[in-house]
Amino acid sequence: MKSMTRRGVLQTMGAGAAAAVLPMRARAAEAAKISPVTEKLAAYMSAAREKELPADIVDHAKYHILDTLAAMISGADLPPGRIALKFAAAHKGEMVATVAASNIVCGPLEAAMANGMLAHSDETDDSHAPSHSHPGCATIPAALAAGEQFGISGTHFLRAVTLGYDIGTRVTTTLGALKYQMETHRSSHSIAENFCAASAAGCAASLDPRQMRFILDYASQQASGIAAWERDTEHIEKSLVFAGHPARNGVSAALLIQIGGSGVEDIFAGTDNFLLAYAPKSDPGILIDKLGERFNVKETTI
């Protein structure tokens, strides 16, 4: 081996450092790019809290809020509901948010999870066929918990709920809905409801457009669940997959981002993005198809 000189060592180190900088710069350049789809989606989500809704959409949202609250109450005596109430009572933490069908007041994460489980306990929650999802059971618990955390108005709450129905359902419609679940064995319900809850909670937290891009990123990372819930005979796992975990995930994402949490600027484009991971042949344009014109709460069945 040739003897190494100090100059030679420094030159080698300098070359290595320069080579390392190149991919870092490439990643930084990519991170700065925001696709038109994500830009429009995040801007719409951030503005939703102040945007007046059509009168018929307000009525539909109210019906679905009442219907989901009724589902929480009617499911309270079934196994998933009893477990949810037991969980909330055992882990109260900060007394901020209300748990339906009880006198329990607990932290927003616990309340979101418990109310989600209650809402899907007896299968009386609503359903959106085009996206193969049950939006209400996760959207409304997340909006309630985040809404109580941030002390929002009733109108703001209603707009957060409507937004949740709009965003989460578009995600699994983009993936392929029922066909997607049948082919991949992943749970379209868990995926849709993660985005429903995150969008609603983000709206309740009054996140700006950039923060809404982060919440879409967090929802993508949290999106999980496989269709094995069909083998859950006691329905407890199913209530977690459909509603409890998504509602809690959405609220936790909103709370983290609201205090300064950051993430990927555009999770629907670029290297290793959500659509590439889940459905590479999907059309991102479906995410914003008739956004602000077609409200999916109106297309959801009670």
Protein backbone atom coordinates (compact mmCIF):
# COMPACT_ATOMS: atom_id res chain seq x y z
CA MET A 1 0.00 0.00 0.00
CA LYS A 2 1.19 3.47 -0.78
CA SER A 3 1.89 5.63 2.23
CA MET A 4 -0.86 8.19 2.83
CA THR A 5 -0.06 11.86 3.14
CA ARG A 6 -2.08 14.42 5.06
CA ARG A 7 -2.91 16.16 1.78
CA GLY A 8 -4.07 12.89 0.22
CA VAL A 9 -6.36 12.12 3.15
CA LEU A 10 -7.90 15.59 3.02
CA GLN A 11 -8.41 15.37 -0.73
CA THR A 12 -10.16 12.00 -0.36
CA MET A 13 -12.40 13.32 2.40
CA GLY A 14 -13.22 16.41 0.37
CA ALA A 15 -14.22 14.33 -2.64
CA GLY A 16 -16.44 12.14 -0.47
CA ALA A 17 -18.13 15.14 1.12
CA ALA A 18 -18.78 16.69 -2.28
CA ALA A 19 -20.33 13.44 -3.51
CA ALA A 20 -22.60 13.31 -0.46
CA VAL A 21 -23.78 16.87 -1.02
CA LEU A 22 -25.13 16.09 -4.51
CA PRO A 23 -27.96 13.73 -3.45
CA MET A 24 -28.78 16.06 -0.54
CA ARG A 25 -29.19 18.94 -2.97
CA ALA A 26 -31.29 16.77 -5.25
CA ARG A 27 -33.57 15.86 -2.35
CA ALA A 28 -33.85 19.50 -1.30
CA ALA A 29 -34.76 20.52 -4.84
CA GLU A 30 -37.41 17.80 -5.02
CA ALA A 31 -38.81 18.77 -1.63
CA ALA A 32 -39.31 22.32 -2.86
CA LYS A 33 -41.55 21.16 -5.71
CA ILE A 34 -45.26 20.97 -4.99
CA SER A 35 -47.48 19.29 -7.57
CA PRO A 36 -50.57 21.22 -8.76
CA VAL A 37 -52.82 18.50 -7.29
CA THR A 38 -51.35 18.74 -3.79
CA GLU A 39 -51.18 22.53 -3.92
CA LYS A 40 -54.88 22.78 -4.80
CA LEU A 41 -55.88 20.11 -2.29
CA ALA A 42 -54.01 21.68 0.64
CA ALA A 43 -55.22 25.20 -0.19
CA TYR A 44 -58.81 23.97 -0.29
CA MET A 45 -58.42 22.12 3.00
CA SER A 46 -56.98 25.17 4.76
CA ALA A 47 -59.71 27.48 3.48
CA ALA A 48 -62.56 25.08 4.34
CA ARG A 49 -63.02 26.40 7.89
CA GLU A 50 -64.03 29.83 6.53
CA LYS A 51 -65.87 28.75 3.40
CA GLU A 52 -69.65 28.92 3.54
CA LEU A 53 -71.31 25.66 2.52
CA PRO A 54 -74.45 25.31 0.38
CA ALA A 55 -77.61 25.02 2.48
CA ASP A 56 -78.36 21.46 1.37
CA ILE A 57 -74.84 20.34 2.25
CA VAL A 58 -75.21 21.87 5.72
CA ASP A 59 -78.41 19.86 6.17
CA HIS A 60 -76.74 16.64 5.02
CA ALA A 61 -73.79 17.23 7.36
CA LYS A 62 -76.13 17.78 10.30
CA TYR A 63 -77.99 14.55 9.53
CA HIS A 64 -74.74 12.59 9.42
CA ILE A 65 -73.46 14.15 12.64
CA LEU A 66 -76.69 13.20 14.43
CA ASP A 67 -76.69 9.76 12.84
CA THR A 68 -73.12 9.09 13.95
CA LEU A 69 -73.79 10.30 17.50
CA ALA A 70 -76.80 7.95 17.57
CA ALA A 71 -74.52 5.13 16.40
CA MET A 72 -72.16 5.89 19.29
CA ILE A 73 -74.99 5.68 21.81
CA SER A 74 -76.59 2.57 20.32
CA GLY A 75 -73.24 0.78 20.27
CA ALA A 76 -72.37 1.54 23.89
CA ASP A 77 -73.68 -1.78 25.26
CA LEU A 78 -72.00 -4.00 22.65
CA PRO A 79 -68.50 -5.51 23.17
CA PRO A 80 -66.60 -2.83 21.18
CA GLY A 81 -68.50 -0.07 22.93
CA ARG A 82 -67.90 -1.50 26.39
CA ILE A 83 -64.17 -1.87 25.67
CA ALA A 84 -64.03 1.70 24.32
CA LEU A 85 -65.67 3.15 27.43
CA LYS A 86 -63.43 1.06 29.69
CA PHE A 87 -60.37 2.31 27.81
CA ALA A 88 -61.43 5.95 28.06
CA ALA A 89 -62.19 5.63 31.78
CA ALA A 90 -58.84 3.97 32.48
CA HIS A 91 -56.76 6.53 30.55
CA LYS A 92 -58.43 9.86 31.16
CA GLY A 93 -55.32 12.04 31.13
CA GLU A 94 -56.13 15.67 30.47
CA MET A 95 -59.88 16.30 30.84
CA VAL A 96 -60.66 18.04 27.56
CA ALA A 97 -62.91 15.96 25.31
CA THR A 98 -66.26 14.24 25.78
CA VAL A 99 -66.92 10.52 25.29
CA ALA A 100 -70.43 9.79 24.03
CA ALA A 101 -72.88 7.59 25.96
CA SER A 102 -70.99 8.27 29.21
CA ASN A 103 -69.97 10.91 31.74
CA ILE A 104 -66.30 10.48 30.82
CA VAL A 105 -64.18 13.49 29.91
CA CYS A 106 -60.61 12.69 28.89
CA GLY A 107 -57.77 13.65 26.57
CA PRO A 108 -58.50 14.28 22.88
CA LEU A 109 -56.61 11.18 21.68
CA GLU A 110 -58.44 8.86 24.04
CA ALA A 111 -61.81 10.47 23.28
CA ALA A 112 -61.29 10.23 19.52
CA MET A 113 -60.41 6.55 19.75
CA ALA A 114 -63.25 5.68 22.13
CA ASN A 115 -65.88 7.60 20.17
CA GLY A 116 -64.66 6.01 16.95
CA MET A 117 -65.06 2.53 18.40
CA LEU A 118 -68.49 3.45 19.71
CA ALA A 119 -69.55 4.81 16.33
CA HIS A 120 -68.75 1.58 14.50
CA SER A 121 -69.80 -0.76 17.30
CA ASP A 122 -73.15 -1.89 15.91
CA GLU A 123 -72.75 -1.09 12.19
CA THR A 124 -75.36 1.67 12.17
CA ASP A 125 -72.79 4.26 11.02
CA ASP A 126 -72.94 5.68 7.50
CA SER A 127 -71.30 4.33 4.33
CA HIS A 128 -69.88 5.83 1.12
CA ALA A 129 -70.06 3.14 -1.57
CA PRO A 130 -67.93 4.80 -4.31
CA SER A 131 -64.88 4.89 -2.00
CA HIS A 132 -65.70 1.68 -0.09
CA SER A 133 -65.50 3.51 3.23
CA HIS A 134 -67.45 4.46 6.35
CA PRO A 135 -66.45 8.13 6.71
CA GLY A 136 -68.63 9.24 9.60
CA CYS A 137 -67.35 6.87 12.29
CA ALA A 138 -63.84 8.36 12.14
CA THR A 139 -64.47 11.88 10.83
CA ILE A 140 -66.94 12.99 13.48
CA PRO A 141 -65.06 11.61 16.52
CA ALA A 142 -61.87 13.29 15.26
CA ALA A 143 -63.63 16.61 14.64
CA LEU A 144 -65.31 16.44 18.05
CA ALA A 145 -62.09 15.76 19.94
CA ALA A 146 -60.02 18.34 18.06
CA GLY A 147 -62.90 20.79 18.17
CA GLU A 148 -63.11 20.59 21.95
CA GLN A 149 -59.32 20.83 22.21
CA PHE A 150 -59.26 24.07 20.23
CA GLY A 151 -62.63 25.46 21.33
CA ILE A 152 -64.06 25.92 17.84
CA SER A 153 -67.56 27.09 16.95
CA GLY A 154 -70.39 24.84 15.79
CA THR A 155 -70.10 26.18 12.26
CA HIS A 156 -66.36 25.51 12.19
CA PHE A 157 -67.03 21.97 13.49
CA LEU A 158 -69.61 21.33 10.78
CA ARG A 159 -67.19 22.51 8.07
CA ALA A 160 -64.44 20.28 9.50
CA VAL A 161 -66.77 17.28 9.30
CA THR A 162 -67.76 18.08 5.71
CA LEU A 163 -64.10 18.40 4.73
CA GLY A 164 -63.28 15.02 6.26
CA TYR A 165 -65.98 13.36 4.16
CA ASP A 166 -64.60 15.05 1.03
CA ILE A 167 -60.90 14.20 1.39
CA GLY A 168 -60.77 10.66 2.78
CA THR A 169 -63.32 9.31 0.32
CA ARG A 170 -61.38 10.76 -2.62
CA VAL A 171 -58.21 8.99 -1.50
CA THR A 172 -59.59 5.46 -1.73
CA THR A 173 -61.59 6.30 -4.83
CA THR A 174 -58.22 7.24 -6.34
CA LEU A 175 -56.72 3.91 -5.23
CA GLY A 176 -59.59 1.87 -6.67
CA ALA A 177 -62.00 1.42 -3.72
CA LEU A 178 -63.46 -2.11 -3.44
CA LYS A 179 -61.39 -3.46 -6.35
CA TYR A 180 -58.27 -2.17 -4.63
CA GLN A 181 -59.14 -3.95 -1.38
CA MET A 182 -59.95 -7.20 -3.18
CA GLU A 183 -56.67 -7.20 -5.09
CA THR A 184 -54.30 -6.04 -2.32
CA HIS A 185 -56.00 -7.39 0.84
CA ARG A 186 -55.51 -3.97 2.41
CA SER A 187 -58.42 -2.33 4.19
CA SER A 188 -59.78 0.54 2.14
CA HIS A 189 -61.82 1.59 5.17
CA SER A 190 -58.79 2.12 7.37
CA ILE A 191 -57.02 4.11 4.66
CA ALA A 192 -59.99 6.32 3.81
CA GLU A 193 -60.88 6.98 7.41
CA ASN A 194 -57.29 7.96 8.29
CA PHE A 195 -57.48 10.74 5.73
CA CYS A 196 -61.06 11.62 6.75
CA ALA A 197 -60.06 12.04 10.38
CA ALA A 198 -56.79 13.86 9.65
CA SER A 199 -58.52 16.35 7.35
CA ALA A 200 -61.30 17.04 9.85
CA ALA A 201 -58.89 17.41 12.76
CA GLY A 202 -56.58 19.59 10.68
CA CYS A 203 -59.49 21.86 9.85
CA ALA A 204 -60.47 22.04 13.53
CA ALA A 205 -56.85 22.98 14.32
CA SER A 206 -57.00 25.79 11.70
CA LEU A 207 -53.90 24.57 9.87
CA ASP A 208 -52.49 26.66 7.02
CA PRO A 209 -51.90 25.21 3.51
CA ARG A 210 -48.35 24.06 4.25
CA GLN A 211 -49.46 22.40 7.47
CA MET A 212 -52.28 20.70 5.57
CA ARG A 213 -49.68 19.23 3.24
CA PHE A 214 -47.95 17.86 6.32
CA ILE A 215 -51.18 16.37 7.65
CA LEU A 216 -51.69 14.56 4.34
CA ASP A 217 -48.16 13.23 4.76
CA TYR A 218 -48.84 12.06 8.32
CA ALA A 219 -52.11 10.42 7.23
CA SER A 220 -50.21 8.59 4.50
CA GLN A 221 -47.70 7.25 7.00
CA GLN A 222 -50.48 6.20 9.37
CA ALA A 223 -52.64 4.57 6.68
CA SER A 224 -52.62 0.85 7.39
CA GLY A 225 -54.87 -2.10 8.04
CA ILE A 226 -55.53 -5.36 6.24
CA ALA A 227 -58.84 -6.98 5.35
CA ALA A 228 -58.33 -9.68 7.97
CA TRP A 229 -60.82 -7.72 10.09
CA GLU A 230 -63.44 -9.80 8.25
CA ARG A 231 -62.45 -12.69 10.56
CA ASP A 232 -63.02 -10.66 13.74
CA THR A 233 -66.11 -12.31 15.21
CA GLU A 234 -66.46 -9.97 18.21
CA HIS A 235 -66.16 -6.79 16.09
CA ILE A 236 -63.66 -5.13 18.43
CA GLU A 237 -60.74 -5.21 16.01
CA LYS A 238 -63.05 -4.04 13.21
CA SER A 239 -64.17 -1.01 15.23
CA LEU A 240 -60.51 -0.12 15.74
CA VAL A 241 -59.59 -0.59 12.07
CA PHE A 242 -62.56 1.34 10.72
CA ALA A 243 -62.76 4.13 13.27
CA GLY A 244 -60.88 4.02 16.56
CA HIS A 245 -57.34 4.09 15.22
CA PRO A 246 -58.05 6.44 12.28
CA ALA A 247 -59.81 8.96 14.56
CA ARG A 248 -56.95 8.87 17.06
CA ASN A 249 -54.36 9.07 14.26
CA GLY A 250 -56.00 12.12 12.74
CA VAL A 251 -56.14 13.99 16.03
CA SER A 252 -52.56 13.11 16.97
CA ALA A 253 -51.35 14.35 13.58
CA ALA A 254 -53.22 17.64 13.95
CA LEU A 255 -51.89 18.21 17.47
CA LEU A 256 -48.29 17.53 16.42
CA ILE A 257 -48.44 19.78 13.37
CA GLN A 258 -50.29 22.56 15.18
CA ILE A 259 -47.36 22.94 17.60
CA GLY A 260 -44.74 22.94 14.85
CA GLY A 261 -44.41 19.39 13.52
CA SER A 262 -43.29 19.18 9.89
CA GLY A 263 -42.93 16.50 7.24
CA VAL A 264 -42.82 15.83 3.52
CA GLU A 265 -44.09 18.77 1.48
CA ASP A 266 -45.88 16.66 -1.16
CA ILE A 267 -46.70 13.06 -0.30
CA PHE A 268 -48.64 12.52 -3.54
CA ALA A 269 -45.67 13.24 -5.84
CA GLY A 270 -41.92 12.66 -5.95
CA THR A 271 -39.76 9.79 -4.74
CA ASP A 272 -41.50 7.02 -2.78
CA ASN A 273 -44.79 8.92 -2.65
CA PHE A 274 -48.07 7.51 -1.30
CA LEU A 275 -49.60 6.70 -4.67
CA LEU A 276 -46.46 4.95 -5.90
CA ALA A 277 -46.51 2.80 -2.77
CA TYR A 278 -50.20 1.93 -2.85
CA ALA A 279 -51.45 2.20 -6.44
CA PRO A 280 -48.80 3.23 -9.00
CA LYS A 281 -51.26 3.34 -11.91
CA SER A 282 -53.77 5.59 -10.17
CA ASP A 283 -54.75 9.04 -11.40
CA PRO A 284 -53.86 11.79 -8.86
CA GLY A 285 -56.42 14.07 -10.51
CA ILE A 286 -59.21 12.12 -8.80
CA LEU A 287 -58.07 13.64 -5.50
CA ILE A 288 -59.32 17.05 -6.60
CA ASP A 289 -62.10 15.99 -8.99
CA LYS A 290 -64.99 18.45 -8.52
CA LEU A 291 -63.54 19.54 -5.18
CA GLY A 292 -65.80 22.28 -3.85
CA GLU A 293 -68.55 21.32 -6.31
CA ARG A 294 -69.37 17.75 -5.30
CA PHE A 295 -69.65 17.20 -1.55
CA ASN A 296 -69.30 13.54 -0.64
CA VAL A 297 -71.30 13.85 2.56
CA LYS A 298 -74.31 14.15 0.25
CA GLU A 299 -73.35 10.90 -1.50
CA THR A 300 -72.93 9.01 1.77
CA THR A 301 -75.74 6.65 2.81
CA ILE A 302 -77.27 6.74 6.26
